[in-house]
Amino acid sequence: MPDIEIDVALEDDRWNGVAPDLDAFVARAVEAGVAIAPNAPAWPVEVSVVLTDDSVVQALNRTWRGKDKPTNVLSFPAAAQPVPDGAPVPLGDVVLAYDTMLRESGEQSKPLADHLAHLLVHGTLHLLGQDHETGEAEADAMEALEVAALRTLGVPDPYGD
């Protein structure tokens, strides 16, 4: 697994109640996503994680996806760019909405921390080129990767009954 630099931007203090050491929690989930990805690079990488609210995510979703509604997670893969020797290569940004994730975790009767871990893995896999919107086979493959990564974190299968 490559060295991973993870930058966490906390834009909504409500996230602090999700895990005792939120930065370490986020790092473990992102690392699990990178470790399980079939096309993970061997060189050092950087991932930015933004923990924010529905209004910020809705604005991003409207601007970049043409969907004027909040969603749980958005991933923005970084454009390929040269970096100095030894510097981490930016993979991109994962942006999460507290309000939507809190609502979903309640509706699904799942701990918010488990839901956060799942969507961090999900978003990280998107940064590494995994997709679930191009066909059923791709969706099944991505779900299998998510389940395997979450298992390493002790998080139950989010797709199980």
Protein backbone atom coordinates (compact mmCIF):
# COMPACT_ATOMS: atom_id res chain seq x y z
CA MET A 1 0.00 0.00 0.00
CA PRO A 2 1.30 3.47 -0.81
CA ASP A 3 2.02 6.12 1.79
CA ILE A 4 -1.15 8.17 2.16
CA GLU A 5 -1.37 11.76 3.31
CA ILE A 6 -4.91 12.57 4.42
CA ASP A 7 -6.03 16.13 4.97
CA VAL A 8 -9.27 16.48 6.94
CA ALA A 9 -11.18 19.77 6.81
CA LEU A 10 -13.82 19.96 9.54
CA GLU A 11 -16.45 22.46 8.43
CA ASP A 12 -19.22 21.29 10.77
CA ASP A 13 -18.43 20.66 14.43
CA ARG A 14 -21.21 18.07 14.72
CA TRP A 15 -18.83 15.58 13.08
CA ASN A 16 -16.72 15.64 16.26
CA GLY A 17 -19.29 13.45 18.02
CA VAL A 18 -19.01 10.61 15.50
CA ALA A 19 -15.71 9.13 16.69
CA PRO A 20 -13.38 9.85 19.63
CA ASP A 21 -10.39 10.58 17.35
CA LEU A 22 -12.08 11.72 14.18
CA ASP A 23 -8.92 12.34 12.16
CA ALA A 24 -7.59 8.85 12.92
CA PHE A 25 -11.00 7.32 12.15
CA VAL A 26 -11.12 9.08 8.77
CA ALA A 27 -7.55 8.02 8.01
CA ARG A 28 -8.27 4.34 8.74
CA ALA A 29 -11.32 4.33 6.44
CA VAL A 30 -9.53 6.09 3.57
CA GLU A 31 -6.54 3.76 3.96
CA ALA A 32 -8.87 0.74 3.85
CA GLY A 33 -10.36 2.03 0.59
CA VAL A 34 -6.95 2.55 -0.98
CA ALA A 35 -5.67 -0.81 0.25
CA ILE A 36 -8.57 -2.74 -1.32
CA ALA A 37 -8.64 -0.91 -4.67
CA PRO A 38 -7.37 -3.13 -7.50
CA ASN A 39 -5.69 -0.18 -9.21
CA ALA A 40 -4.20 1.56 -6.17
CA PRO A 41 -0.96 3.31 -7.04
CA ALA A 42 2.33 2.21 -5.51
CA TRP A 43 3.56 5.78 -5.01
CA PRO A 44 2.63 8.22 -2.21
CA VAL A 45 -0.82 9.78 -2.57
CA GLU A 46 -2.85 12.52 -0.94
CA VAL A 47 -6.60 12.54 -0.25
CA SER A 48 -8.56 15.51 1.04
CA VAL A 49 -11.68 14.84 3.12
CA VAL A 50 -14.19 17.60 3.83
CA LEU A 51 -16.68 17.00 6.65
CA THR A 52 -19.44 19.53 6.09
CA ASP A 53 -23.23 19.91 5.96
CA ASP A 54 -26.08 19.54 3.50
CA SER A 55 -26.03 23.14 2.26
CA VAL A 56 -22.39 22.91 1.13
CA VAL A 57 -22.87 19.50 -0.48
CA GLN A 58 -26.08 20.65 -2.19
CA ALA A 59 -24.25 23.62 -3.72
CA LEU A 60 -21.43 21.35 -4.94
CA ASN A 61 -23.91 18.80 -6.26
CA ARG A 62 -25.81 21.54 -8.13
CA THR A 63 -22.64 23.08 -9.59
CA TRP A 64 -20.79 19.91 -10.58
CA ARG A 65 -23.52 17.34 -11.19
CA GLY A 66 -26.55 19.48 -12.09
CA LYS A 67 -28.52 17.99 -9.18
CA ASP A 68 -29.97 20.62 -6.85
CA LYS A 69 -30.20 18.47 -3.75
CA PRO A 70 -27.90 17.31 -0.99
CA THR A 71 -26.38 13.86 -1.10
CA ASN A 72 -24.34 11.86 1.38
CA VAL A 73 -20.94 11.91 -0.34
CA LEU A 74 -19.33 13.49 -3.38
CA SER A 75 -15.97 12.52 -4.83
CA PHE A 76 -13.87 14.79 -6.99
CA PRO A 77 -10.90 12.97 -8.54
CA ALA A 78 -7.88 15.23 -9.06
CA ALA A 79 -6.74 15.98 -12.58
CA ALA A 80 -3.41 14.41 -13.50
CA GLN A 81 -0.61 16.84 -12.79
CA PRO A 82 3.13 16.74 -12.35
CA VAL A 83 4.38 16.73 -8.77
CA PRO A 84 7.89 17.15 -7.39
CA ASP A 85 9.85 13.94 -6.88
CA GLY A 86 8.79 12.23 -3.67
CA ALA A 87 5.73 14.43 -3.18
CA PRO A 88 2.37 12.66 -2.83
CA VAL A 89 0.16 12.57 -5.92
CA PRO A 90 -3.25 14.12 -5.20
CA LEU A 91 -6.07 11.60 -5.70
CA GLY A 92 -8.82 14.14 -5.06
CA ASP A 93 -11.45 15.23 -2.58
CA VAL A 94 -14.19 13.36 -0.71
CA VAL A 95 -16.92 15.63 0.66
CA LEU A 96 -19.50 14.35 3.16
CA ALA A 97 -22.78 15.90 4.36
CA TYR A 98 -23.53 15.46 8.06
CA ASP A 99 -27.29 16.02 7.86
CA THR A 100 -27.93 13.51 5.08
CA MET A 101 -25.64 10.92 6.65
CA LEU A 102 -27.29 11.31 10.06
CA ARG A 103 -30.75 10.89 8.50
CA GLU A 104 -29.66 7.85 6.47
CA SER A 105 -27.99 6.15 9.42
CA GLY A 106 -31.22 6.55 11.40
CA GLU A 107 -33.38 5.25 8.56
CA GLN A 108 -31.06 2.27 8.11
CA SER A 109 -30.63 1.66 11.86
CA LYS A 110 -26.85 1.84 11.49
CA PRO A 111 -24.38 3.65 13.74
CA LEU A 112 -23.33 6.95 12.21
CA ALA A 113 -19.66 5.93 12.56
CA ASP A 114 -20.28 2.79 10.47
CA HIS A 115 -22.09 4.83 7.83
CA LEU A 116 -19.24 7.35 7.76
CA ALA A 117 -16.66 4.58 7.36
CA HIS A 118 -18.70 3.10 4.50
CA LEU A 119 -19.01 6.38 2.63
CA LEU A 120 -15.35 7.25 3.15
CA VAL A 121 -14.40 3.90 1.59
CA HIS A 122 -17.00 4.46 -1.16
CA GLY A 123 -15.73 7.95 -1.95
CA THR A 124 -12.09 6.82 -1.91
CA LEU A 125 -12.86 4.02 -4.36
CA HIS A 126 -14.43 6.60 -6.67
CA LEU A 127 -11.19 8.60 -6.54
CA LEU A 128 -9.42 5.45 -7.72
CA GLY A 129 -11.71 4.98 -10.71
CA GLN A 130 -14.31 2.58 -9.32
CA ASP A 131 -17.87 3.24 -10.48
CA HIS A 132 -21.34 1.91 -9.73
CA GLU A 133 -23.36 3.89 -12.25
CA THR A 134 -22.09 2.33 -15.49
CA GLY A 135 -23.68 -1.09 -15.06
CA GLU A 136 -24.73 -3.82 -12.67
CA ALA A 137 -21.43 -5.71 -12.92
CA GLU A 138 -19.46 -2.57 -11.99
CA ALA A 139 -21.86 -1.84 -9.10
CA ASP A 140 -21.51 -5.40 -7.79
CA ALA A 141 -17.71 -5.22 -8.04
CA MET A 142 -17.59 -1.90 -6.20
CA GLU A 143 -19.92 -3.16 -3.47
CA ALA A 144 -17.71 -6.24 -2.99
CA LEU A 145 -14.66 -4.00 -2.58
CA GLU A 146 -16.52 -1.82 -0.06
CA VAL A 147 -17.64 -4.84 1.98
CA ALA A 148 -14.10 -6.25 2.00
CA ALA A 149 -12.58 -2.91 3.08
CA LEU A 150 -15.20 -2.42 5.79
CA ARG A 151 -14.58 -5.93 7.10
CA THR A 152 -10.98 -4.88 7.84
CA LEU A 153 -12.41 -2.05 9.95
CA GLY A 154 -14.87 -4.26 11.81
CA VAL A 155 -17.86 -2.63 10.09
CA PRO A 156 -20.75 -4.92 9.09
CA ASP A 157 -21.79 -5.34 5.44
CA PRO A 158 -23.84 -2.21 4.69
CA TYR A 159 -25.71 -4.06 1.94
CA GLY A 160 -26.59 -7.10 4.06
CA ASP A 161 -30.01 -7.75 5.46
